[in-house]
Amino acid sequence: ADFEQMYNTYYMKVYSFAVTLTKNQHDAEEITQNTFFKAMTT
């Protein structure tokens, strides 16, 4: 539940940050997904 709340709270912010880094929506989506996966598993 904590992770789901974190995901819902920060997904768009992290995605926006990733778009800034990658300058590409597809790559930003991939990085965002991997970010939350890594946050959940580490």
ModelCIF file with pLDDT and N, C-alpha, C, O atoms, coordinates in Angstrom:
data_MODEL
#
_entry.id   MODEL 
#
_entity.id                         1 
_entity.type                       polymer 
_entity.pdbx_number_of_molecules   1 
#
_entity_poly.entity_id                      1 
_entity_poly.type                           'polypeptide(L)' 
_entity_poly.nstd_linkage                   no 
_entity_poly.nstd_monomer                   no 
_entity_poly.pdbx_seq_one_letter_code       ADFEQMYNTYYMKVYSFAVTLTKNQHDAEEITQNTFFKAMTT 
_entity_poly.pdbx_seq_one_letter_code_can   ADFEQMYNTYYMKVYSFAVTLTKNQHDAEEITQNTFFKAMTT 
_entity_poly.pdbx_strand_id                 A 
#
loop_
_entity_poly_seq.entity_id 
_entity_poly_seq.num 
_entity_poly_seq.mon_id 
_entity_poly_seq.hetero 
1 1  ALA n 
1 2  ASP n 
1 3  PHE n 
1 4  GLU n 
1 5  GLN n 
1 6  MET n 
1 7  TYR n 
1 8  ASN n 
1 9  THR n 
1 10 TYR n 
1 11 TYR n 
1 12 MET n 
1 13 LYS n 
1 14 VAL n 
1 15 TYR n 
1 16 SER n 
1 17 PHE n 
1 18 ALA n 
1 19 VAL n 
1 20 THR n 
1 21 LEU n 
1 22 THR n 
1 23 LYS n 
1 24 ASN n 
1 25 GLN n 
1 26 HIS n 
1 27 ASP n 
1 28 ALA n 
1 29 GLU n 
1 30 GLU n 
1 31 ILE n 
1 32 THR n 
1 33 GLN n 
1 34 ASN n 
1 35 THR n 
1 36 PHE n 
1 37 PHE n 
1 38 LYS n 
1 39 ALA n 
1 40 MET n 
1 41 THR n 
1 42 THR n 
#
_struct_asym.id          A 
_struct_asym.entity_id   1 
#
loop_
_ma_qa_metric.id 
_ma_qa_metric.mode 
_ma_qa_metric.name 
_ma_qa_metric.software_group_id 
_ma_qa_metric.type 
1 global pLDDT . pLDDT 
2 local  pLDDT . pLDDT 
#
_ma_qa_metric_global.metric_id      1 
_ma_qa_metric_global.metric_value   85.50 
_ma_qa_metric_global.model_id       1 
_ma_qa_metric_global.ordinal_id     1 
#
loop_
_ma_qa_metric_local.label_asym_id 
_ma_qa_metric_local.label_comp_id 
_ma_qa_metric_local.label_seq_id 
_ma_qa_metric_local.metric_id 
_ma_qa_metric_local.metric_value 
_ma_qa_metric_local.model_id 
_ma_qa_metric_local.ordinal_id 
A ALA 1  2 72.00 1 1  
A ASP 2  2 78.00 1 2  
A PHE 3  2 79.00 1 3  
A GLU 4  2 83.00 1 4  
A GLN 5  2 86.00 1 5  
A MET 6  2 85.00 1 6  
A TYR 7  2 85.00 1 7  
A ASN 8  2 86.00 1 8  
A THR 9  2 87.00 1 9  
A TYR 10 2 86.00 1 10 
A TYR 11 2 87.00 1 11 
A MET 12 2 88.00 1 12 
A LYS 13 2 86.00 1 13 
A VAL 14 2 87.00 1 14 
A TYR 15 2 85.00 1 15 
A SER 16 2 84.00 1 16 
A PHE 17 2 84.00 1 17 
A ALA 18 2 85.00 1 18 
A VAL 19 2 83.00 1 19 
A THR 20 2 81.00 1 20 
A LEU 21 2 81.00 1 21 
A THR 22 2 83.00 1 22 
A LYS 23 2 82.00 1 23 
A ASN 24 2 82.00 1 24 
A GLN 25 2 85.00 1 25 
A HIS 26 2 88.00 1 26 
A ASP 27 2 88.00 1 27 
A ALA 28 2 87.00 1 28 
A GLU 29 2 90.00 1 29 
A GLU 30 2 92.00 1 30 
A ILE 31 2 91.00 1 31 
A THR 32 2 90.00 1 32 
A GLN 33 2 92.00 1 33 
A ASN 34 2 91.00 1 34 
A THR 35 2 89.00 1 35 
A PHE 36 2 89.00 1 36 
A PHE 37 2 89.00 1 37 
A LYS 38 2 89.00 1 38 
A ALA 39 2 86.00 1 39 
A MET 40 2 84.00 1 40 
A THR 41 2 85.00 1 41 
A THR 42 2 81.00 1 42 
#
loop_
_atom_site.group_PDB 
_atom_site.id 
_atom_site.type_symbol 
_atom_site.label_atom_id 
_atom_site.label_alt_id 
_atom_site.label_comp_id 
_atom_site.label_asym_id 
_atom_site.label_entity_id 
_atom_site.label_seq_id 
_atom_site.pdbx_PDB_ins_code 
_atom_site.Cartn_x 
_atom_site.Cartn_y 
_atom_site.Cartn_z 
_atom_site.occupancy 
_atom_site.B_iso_or_equiv 
_atom_site.pdbx_formal_charge 
_atom_site.auth_seq_id 
_atom_site.auth_comp_id 
_atom_site.auth_asym_id 
_atom_site.auth_atom_id 
_atom_site.pdbx_PDB_model_num 
ATOM 1   N N  . ALA A 1 1  ? 0.837  -1.203 0.000   1.00 72.00 ? 1  ALA A N  1 
ATOM 2   C CA . ALA A 1 1  ? 0.000  0.000  0.000   1.00 72.00 ? 1  ALA A CA 1 
ATOM 3   C C  . ALA A 1 1  ? 0.870  1.251  0.000   1.00 72.00 ? 1  ALA A C  1 
ATOM 4   O O  . ALA A 1 1  ? 0.555  2.234  -0.669  1.00 72.00 ? 1  ALA A O  1 
ATOM 5   N N  . ASP A 1 2  ? 1.981  1.208  0.763   1.00 78.00 ? 2  ASP A N  1 
ATOM 6   C CA . ASP A 1 2  ? 2.909  2.341  0.786   1.00 78.00 ? 2  ASP A CA 1 
ATOM 7   C C  . ASP A 1 2  ? 3.523  2.567  -0.587  1.00 78.00 ? 2  ASP A C  1 
ATOM 8   O O  . ASP A 1 2  ? 3.648  3.703  -1.046  1.00 78.00 ? 2  ASP A O  1 
ATOM 9   N N  . PHE A 1 3  ? 3.904  1.471  -1.237  1.00 79.00 ? 3  PHE A N  1 
ATOM 10  C CA . PHE A 1 3  ? 4.500  1.598  -2.569  1.00 79.00 ? 3  PHE A CA 1 
ATOM 11  C C  . PHE A 1 3  ? 3.476  2.127  -3.562  1.00 79.00 ? 3  PHE A C  1 
ATOM 12  O O  . PHE A 1 3  ? 3.801  2.970  -4.398  1.00 79.00 ? 3  PHE A O  1 
ATOM 13  N N  . GLU A 1 4  ? 2.239  1.637  -3.476  1.00 83.00 ? 4  GLU A N  1 
ATOM 14  C CA . GLU A 1 4  ? 1.196  2.101  -4.398  1.00 83.00 ? 4  GLU A CA 1 
ATOM 15  C C  . GLU A 1 4  ? 0.938  3.586  -4.208  1.00 83.00 ? 4  GLU A C  1 
ATOM 16  O O  . GLU A 1 4  ? 0.746  4.311  -5.185  1.00 83.00 ? 4  GLU A O  1 
ATOM 17  N N  . GLN A 1 5  ? 0.931  4.047  -2.966  1.00 86.00 ? 5  GLN A N  1 
ATOM 18  C CA . GLN A 1 5  ? 0.746  5.466  -2.705  1.00 86.00 ? 5  GLN A CA 1 
ATOM 19  C C  . GLN A 1 5  ? 1.924  6.271  -3.261  1.00 86.00 ? 5  GLN A C  1 
ATOM 20  O O  . GLN A 1 5  ? 1.726  7.324  -3.867  1.00 86.00 ? 5  GLN A O  1 
ATOM 21  N N  . MET A 1 6  ? 3.145  5.778  -3.054  1.00 85.00 ? 6  MET A N  1 
ATOM 22  C CA . MET A 1 6  ? 4.328  6.459  -3.589  1.00 85.00 ? 6  MET A CA 1 
ATOM 23  C C  . MET A 1 6  ? 4.239  6.530  -5.120  1.00 85.00 ? 6  MET A C  1 
ATOM 24  O O  . MET A 1 6  ? 4.518  7.571  -5.717  1.00 85.00 ? 6  MET A O  1 
ATOM 25  N N  . TYR A 1 7  ? 3.850  5.422  -5.744  1.00 85.00 ? 7  TYR A N  1 
ATOM 26  C CA . TYR A 1 7  ? 3.728  5.370  -7.194  1.00 85.00 ? 7  TYR A CA 1 
ATOM 27  C C  . TYR A 1 7  ? 2.703  6.401  -7.678  1.00 85.00 ? 7  TYR A C  1 
ATOM 28  O O  . TYR A 1 7  ? 2.974  7.175  -8.596  1.00 85.00 ? 7  TYR A O  1 
ATOM 29  N N  . ASN A 1 8  ? 1.528  6.400  -7.050  1.00 86.00 ? 8  ASN A N  1 
ATOM 30  C CA . ASN A 1 8  ? 0.468  7.335  -7.456  1.00 86.00 ? 8  ASN A CA 1 
ATOM 31  C C  . ASN A 1 8  ? 0.869  8.790  -7.220  1.00 86.00 ? 8  ASN A C  1 
ATOM 32  O O  . ASN A 1 8  ? 0.509  9.677  -7.995  1.00 86.00 ? 8  ASN A O  1 
ATOM 33  N N  . THR A 1 9  ? 1.605  9.020  -6.160  1.00 87.00 ? 9  THR A N  1 
ATOM 34  C CA . THR A 1 9  ? 2.012  10.384 -5.823  1.00 87.00 ? 9  THR A CA 1 
ATOM 35  C C  . THR A 1 9  ? 3.087  10.920 -6.762  1.00 87.00 ? 9  THR A C  1 
ATOM 36  O O  . THR A 1 9  ? 3.030  12.079 -7.171  1.00 87.00 ? 9  THR A O  1 
ATOM 37  N N  . TYR A 1 10 ? 4.071  10.083 -7.107  1.00 86.00 ? 10 TYR A N  1 
ATOM 38  C CA . TYR A 1 10 ? 5.257  10.582 -7.801  1.00 86.00 ? 10 TYR A CA 1 
ATOM 39  C C  . TYR A 1 10 ? 5.402  10.154 -9.251  1.00 86.00 ? 10 TYR A C  1 
ATOM 40  O O  . TYR A 1 10 ? 6.344  10.590 -9.913  1.00 86.00 ? 10 TYR A O  1 
ATOM 41  N N  . TYR A 1 11 ? 4.528  9.333  -9.766  1.00 87.00 ? 11 TYR A N  1 
ATOM 42  C CA . TYR A 1 11 ? 4.724  8.818  -11.121 1.00 87.00 ? 11 TYR A CA 1 
ATOM 43  C C  . TYR A 1 11 ? 4.920  9.944  -12.134 1.00 87.00 ? 11 TYR A C  1 
ATOM 44  O O  . TYR A 1 11 ? 5.907  9.939  -12.869 1.00 87.00 ? 11 TYR A O  1 
ATOM 45  N N  . MET A 1 12 ? 4.011  10.897 -12.186 1.00 88.00 ? 12 MET A N  1 
ATOM 46  C CA . MET A 1 12 ? 4.098  11.961 -13.201 1.00 88.00 ? 12 MET A CA 1 
ATOM 47  C C  . MET A 1 12 ? 5.324  12.849 -12.990 1.00 88.00 ? 12 MET A C  1 
ATOM 48  O O  . MET A 1 12 ? 5.923  13.312 -13.960 1.00 88.00 ? 12 MET A O  1 
ATOM 49  N N  . LYS A 1 13 ? 5.696  13.088 -11.751 1.00 86.00 ? 13 LYS A N  1 
ATOM 50  C CA . LYS A 1 13 ? 6.879  13.912 -11.490 1.00 86.00 ? 13 LYS A CA 1 
ATOM 51  C C  . LYS A 1 13 ? 8.146  13.194 -11.957 1.00 86.00 ? 13 LYS A C  1 
ATOM 52  O O  . LYS A 1 13 ? 9.018  13.794 -12.586 1.00 86.00 ? 13 LYS A O  1 
ATOM 53  N N  . VAL A 1 14 ? 8.234  11.907 -11.641 1.00 87.00 ? 14 VAL A N  1 
ATOM 54  C CA . VAL A 1 14 ? 9.412  11.139 -12.059 1.00 87.00 ? 14 VAL A CA 1 
ATOM 55  C C  . VAL A 1 14 ? 9.425  11.009 -13.577 1.00 87.00 ? 14 VAL A C  1 
ATOM 56  O O  . VAL A 1 14 ? 10.482 11.113 -14.199 1.00 87.00 ? 14 VAL A O  1 
ATOM 57  N N  . TYR A 1 15 ? 8.258  10.783 -14.177 1.00 85.00 ? 15 TYR A N  1 
ATOM 58  C CA . TYR A 1 15 ? 8.167  10.692 -15.636 1.00 85.00 ? 15 TYR A CA 1 
ATOM 59  C C  . TYR A 1 15 ? 8.620  12.010 -16.275 1.00 85.00 ? 15 TYR A C  1 
ATOM 60  O O  . TYR A 1 15 ? 9.383  12.003 -17.241 1.00 85.00 ? 15 TYR A O  1 
ATOM 61  N N  . SER A 1 16 ? 8.157  13.126 -15.741 1.00 84.00 ? 16 SER A N  1 
ATOM 62  C CA . SER A 1 16 ? 8.564  14.442 -16.281 1.00 84.00 ? 16 SER A CA 1 
ATOM 63  C C  . SER A 1 16 ? 10.069 14.637 -16.166 1.00 84.00 ? 16 SER A C  1 
ATOM 64  O O  . SER A 1 16 ? 10.708 15.151 -17.084 1.00 84.00 ? 16 SER A O  1 
ATOM 65  N N  . PHE A 1 17 ? 10.625 14.228 -15.046 1.00 84.00 ? 17 PHE A N  1 
ATOM 66  C CA . PHE A 1 17 ? 12.068 14.313 -14.861 1.00 84.00 ? 17 PHE A CA 1 
ATOM 67  C C  . PHE A 1 17 ? 12.783 13.439 -15.894 1.00 84.00 ? 17 PHE A C  1 
ATOM 68  O O  . PHE A 1 17 ? 13.787 13.853 -16.474 1.00 84.00 ? 17 PHE A O  1 
ATOM 69  N N  . ALA A 1 18 ? 12.267 12.238 -16.118 1.00 85.00 ? 18 ALA A N  1 
ATOM 70  C CA . ALA A 1 18 ? 12.869 11.321 -17.092 1.00 85.00 ? 18 ALA A CA 1 
ATOM 71  C C  . ALA A 1 18 ? 12.770 11.876 -18.506 1.00 85.00 ? 18 ALA A C  1 
ATOM 72  O O  . ALA A 1 18 ? 13.697 11.712 -19.299 1.00 85.00 ? 18 ALA A O  1 
ATOM 73  N N  . VAL A 1 19 ? 11.659 12.530 -18.834 1.00 83.00 ? 19 VAL A N  1 
ATOM 74  C CA . VAL A 1 19 ? 11.522 13.151 -20.160 1.00 83.00 ? 19 VAL A CA 1 
ATOM 75  C C  . VAL A 1 19 ? 12.567 14.244 -20.323 1.00 83.00 ? 19 VAL A C  1 
ATOM 76  O O  . VAL A 1 19 ? 13.153 14.395 -21.395 1.00 83.00 ? 19 VAL A O  1 
ATOM 77  N N  . THR A 1 20 ? 12.800 15.000 -19.265 1.00 81.00 ? 20 THR A N  1 
ATOM 78  C CA . THR A 1 20 ? 13.822 16.052 -19.301 1.00 81.00 ? 20 THR A CA 1 
ATOM 79  C C  . THR A 1 20 ? 15.195 15.459 -19.587 1.00 81.00 ? 20 THR A C  1 
ATOM 80  O O  . THR A 1 20 ? 15.980 16.022 -20.351 1.00 81.00 ? 20 THR A O  1 
ATOM 81  N N  . LEU A 1 21 ? 15.474 14.325 -18.971 1.00 81.00 ? 21 LEU A N  1 
ATOM 82  C CA . LEU A 1 21 ? 16.768 13.682 -19.175 1.00 81.00 ? 21 LEU A CA 1 
ATOM 83  C C  . LEU A 1 21 ? 16.889 13.087 -20.574 1.00 81.00 ? 21 LEU A C  1 
ATOM 84  O O  . LEU A 1 21 ? 17.885 13.308 -21.264 1.00 81.00 ? 21 LEU A O  1 
ATOM 85  N N  . THR A 1 22 ? 15.875 12.333 -20.991 1.00 83.00 ? 22 THR A N  1 
ATOM 86  C CA . THR A 1 22 ? 15.978 11.536 -22.208 1.00 83.00 ? 22 THR A CA 1 
ATOM 87  C C  . THR A 1 22 ? 15.579 12.277 -23.471 1.00 83.00 ? 22 THR A C  1 
ATOM 88  O O  . THR A 1 22 ? 16.031 11.938 -24.564 1.00 83.00 ? 22 THR A O  1 
ATOM 89  N N  . LYS A 1 23 ? 14.735 13.287 -23.325 1.00 82.00 ? 23 LYS A N  1 
ATOM 90  C CA . LYS A 1 23 ? 14.182 14.020 -24.478 1.00 82.00 ? 23 LYS A CA 1 
ATOM 91  C C  . LYS A 1 23 ? 13.383 13.075 -25.390 1.00 82.00 ? 23 LYS A C  1 
ATOM 92  O O  . LYS A 1 23 ? 13.248 13.326 -26.587 1.00 82.00 ? 23 LYS A O  1 
ATOM 93  N N  . ASN A 1 24 ? 12.855 11.984 -24.809 1.00 82.00 ? 24 ASN A N  1 
ATOM 94  C CA . ASN A 1 24 ? 12.151 10.969 -25.588 1.00 82.00 ? 24 ASN A CA 1 
ATOM 95  C C  . ASN A 1 24 ? 11.115 10.315 -24.673 1.00 82.00 ? 24 ASN A C  1 
ATOM 96  O O  . ASN A 1 24 ? 11.448 9.829  -23.593 1.00 82.00 ? 24 ASN A O  1 
ATOM 97  N N  . GLN A 1 25 ? 9.834  10.310 -25.124 1.00 85.00 ? 25 GLN A N  1 
ATOM 98  C CA . GLN A 1 25 ? 8.770  9.783  -24.281 1.00 85.00 ? 25 GLN A CA 1 
ATOM 99  C C  . GLN A 1 25 ? 8.916  8.288  -24.018 1.00 85.00 ? 25 GLN A C  1 
ATOM 100 O O  . GLN A 1 25 ? 8.719  7.837  -22.890 1.00 85.00 ? 25 GLN A O  1 
ATOM 101 N N  . HIS A 1 26 ? 9.254  7.527  -25.035 1.00 88.00 ? 26 HIS A N  1 
ATOM 102 C CA . HIS A 1 26 ? 9.381  6.078  -24.866 1.00 88.00 ? 26 HIS A CA 1 
ATOM 103 C C  . HIS A 1 26 ? 10.488 5.745  -23.861 1.00 88.00 ? 26 HIS A C  1 
ATOM 104 O O  . HIS A 1 26 ? 10.283 4.948  -22.945 1.00 88.00 ? 26 HIS A O  1 
ATOM 105 N N  . ASP A 1 27 ? 11.649 6.354  -24.037 1.00 88.00 ? 27 ASP A N  1 
ATOM 106 C CA . ASP A 1 27 ? 12.762 6.116  -23.109 1.00 88.00 ? 27 ASP A CA 1 
ATOM 107 C C  . ASP A 1 27 ? 12.409 6.576  -21.695 1.00 88.00 ? 27 ASP A C  1 
ATOM 108 O O  . ASP A 1 27 ? 12.784 5.936  -20.713 1.00 88.00 ? 27 ASP A O  1 
ATOM 109 N N  . ALA A 1 28 ? 11.679 7.701  -21.603 1.00 87.00 ? 28 ALA A N  1 
ATOM 110 C CA . ALA A 1 28 ? 11.271 8.213  -20.293 1.00 87.00 ? 28 ALA A CA 1 
ATOM 111 C C  . ALA A 1 28 ? 10.313 7.244  -19.601 1.00 87.00 ? 28 ALA A C  1 
ATOM 112 O O  . ALA A 1 28 ? 10.407 7.035  -18.392 1.00 87.00 ? 28 ALA A O  1 
ATOM 113 N N  . GLU A 1 29 ? 9.395  6.654  -20.365 1.00 90.00 ? 29 GLU A N  1 
ATOM 114 C CA . GLU A 1 29 ? 8.471  5.670  -19.793 1.00 90.00 ? 29 GLU A CA 1 
ATOM 115 C C  . GLU A 1 29 ? 9.251  4.465  -19.270 1.00 90.00 ? 29 GLU A C  1 
ATOM 116 O O  . GLU A 1 29 ? 8.971  3.950  -18.187 1.00 90.00 ? 29 GLU A O  1 
ATOM 117 N N  . GLU A 1 30 ? 10.224 4.028  -20.051 1.00 92.00 ? 30 GLU A N  1 
ATOM 118 C CA . GLU A 1 30 ? 11.039 2.873  -19.654 1.00 92.00 ? 30 GLU A CA 1 
ATOM 119 C C  . GLU A 1 30 ? 11.819 3.173  -18.377 1.00 92.00 ? 30 GLU A C  1 
ATOM 120 O O  . GLU A 1 30 ? 11.849 2.355  -17.458 1.00 92.00 ? 30 GLU A O  1 
ATOM 121 N N  . ILE A 1 31 ? 12.441 4.333  -18.323 1.00 91.00 ? 31 ILE A N  1 
ATOM 122 C CA . ILE A 1 31 ? 13.205 4.718  -17.136 1.00 91.00 ? 31 ILE A CA 1 
ATOM 123 C C  . ILE A 1 31 ? 12.282 4.862  -15.929 1.00 91.00 ? 31 ILE A C  1 
ATOM 124 O O  . ILE A 1 31 ? 12.636 4.448  -14.825 1.00 91.00 ? 31 ILE A O  1 
ATOM 125 N N  . THR A 1 32 ? 11.110 5.443  -16.131 1.00 90.00 ? 32 THR A N  1 
ATOM 126 C CA . THR A 1 32 ? 10.168 5.615  -15.026 1.00 90.00 ? 32 THR A CA 1 
ATOM 127 C C  . THR A 1 32 ? 9.722  4.264  -14.475 1.00 90.00 ? 32 THR A C  1 
ATOM 128 O O  . THR A 1 32 ? 9.688  4.063  -13.261 1.00 90.00 ? 32 THR A O  1 
ATOM 129 N N  . GLN A 1 33 ? 9.383  3.348  -15.365 1.00 92.00 ? 33 GLN A N  1 
ATOM 130 C CA . GLN A 1 33 ? 8.980  2.007  -14.928 1.00 92.00 ? 33 GLN A CA 1 
ATOM 131 C C  . GLN A 1 33 ? 10.115 1.327  -14.169 1.00 92.00 ? 33 GLN A C  1 
ATOM 132 O O  . GLN A 1 33 ? 9.896  0.742  -13.109 1.00 92.00 ? 33 GLN A O  1 
ATOM 133 N N  . ASN A 1 34 ? 11.314 1.404  -14.709 1.00 91.00 ? 34 ASN A N  1 
ATOM 134 C CA . ASN A 1 34 ? 12.466 0.779  -14.056 1.00 91.00 ? 34 ASN A CA 1 
ATOM 135 C C  . ASN A 1 34 ? 12.792 1.444  -12.718 1.00 91.00 ? 34 ASN A C  1 
ATOM 136 O O  . ASN A 1 34 ? 13.259 0.789  -11.786 1.00 91.00 ? 34 ASN A O  1 
ATOM 137 N N  . THR A 1 35 ? 12.542 2.754  -12.635 1.00 89.00 ? 35 THR A N  1 
ATOM 138 C CA . THR A 1 35 ? 12.779 3.476  -11.385 1.00 89.00 ? 35 THR A CA 1 
ATOM 139 C C  . THR A 1 35 ? 11.885 2.926  -10.278 1.00 89.00 ? 35 THR A C  1 
ATOM 140 O O  . THR A 1 35 ? 12.354 2.631  -9.179  1.00 89.00 ? 35 THR A O  1 
ATOM 141 N N  . PHE A 1 36 ? 10.598 2.793  -10.576 1.00 89.00 ? 36 PHE A N  1 
ATOM 142 C CA . PHE A 1 36 ? 9.688  2.295  -9.548  1.00 89.00 ? 36 PHE A CA 1 
ATOM 143 C C  . PHE A 1 36 ? 9.938  0.820  -9.246  1.00 89.00 ? 36 PHE A C  1 
ATOM 144 O O  . PHE A 1 36 ? 9.774  0.387  -8.106  1.00 89.00 ? 36 PHE A O  1 
ATOM 145 N N  . PHE A 1 37 ? 10.330 0.055  -10.245 1.00 89.00 ? 37 PHE A N  1 
ATOM 146 C CA . PHE A 1 37 ? 10.661 -1.342 -9.995  1.00 89.00 ? 37 PHE A CA 1 
ATOM 147 C C  . PHE A 1 37 ? 11.855 -1.425 -9.049  1.00 89.00 ? 37 PHE A C  1 
ATOM 148 O O  . PHE A 1 37 ? 11.849 -2.193 -8.087  1.00 89.00 ? 37 PHE A O  1 
ATOM 149 N N  . LYS A 1 38 ? 12.873 -0.628 -9.337  1.00 89.00 ? 38 LYS A N  1 
ATOM 150 C CA . LYS A 1 38 ? 14.076 -0.647 -8.496  1.00 89.00 ? 38 LYS A CA 1 
ATOM 151 C C  . LYS A 1 38 ? 13.750 -0.142 -7.094  1.00 89.00 ? 38 LYS A C  1 
ATOM 152 O O  . LYS A 1 38 ? 14.260 -0.673 -6.108  1.00 89.00 ? 38 LYS A O  1 
ATOM 153 N N  . ALA A 1 39 ? 12.908 0.875  -7.003  1.00 86.00 ? 39 ALA A N  1 
ATOM 154 C CA . ALA A 1 39 ? 12.520 1.397  -5.691  1.00 86.00 ? 39 ALA A CA 1 
ATOM 155 C C  . ALA A 1 39 ? 11.768 0.344  -4.890  1.00 86.00 ? 39 ALA A C  1 
ATOM 156 O O  . ALA A 1 39 ? 11.909 0.262  -3.670  1.00 86.00 ? 39 ALA A O  1 
ATOM 157 N N  . MET A 1 40 ? 10.972 -0.456 -5.579  1.00 84.00 ? 40 MET A N  1 
ATOM 158 C CA . MET A 1 40 ? 10.183 -1.479 -4.902  1.00 84.00 ? 40 MET A CA 1 
ATOM 159 C C  . MET A 1 40 ? 11.051 -2.668 -4.474  1.00 84.00 ? 40 MET A C  1 
ATOM 160 O O  . MET A 1 40 ? 10.782 -3.300 -3.453  1.00 84.00 ? 40 MET A O  1 
ATOM 161 N N  . THR A 1 41 ? 12.071 -2.963 -5.242  1.00 85.00 ? 41 THR A N  1 
ATOM 162 C CA . THR A 1 41 ? 12.849 -4.184 -5.007  1.00 85.00 ? 41 THR A CA 1 
ATOM 163 C C  . THR A 1 41 ? 14.157 -3.974 -4.258  1.00 85.00 ? 41 THR A C  1 
ATOM 164 O O  . THR A 1 41 ? 14.846 -4.944 -3.942  1.00 85.00 ? 41 THR A O  1 
ATOM 165 N N  . THR A 1 42 ? 14.508 -2.737 -3.969  1.00 81.00 ? 42 THR A N  1 
ATOM 166 C CA . THR A 1 42 ? 15.743 -2.489 -3.233  1.00 81.00 ? 42 THR A CA 1 
ATOM 167 C C  . THR A 1 42 ? 15.428 -1.767 -1.932  1.00 81.00 ? 42 THR A C  1 
ATOM 168 O O  . THR A 1 42 ? 16.337 -1.463 -1.160  1.00 81.00 ? 42 THR A O  1 
#
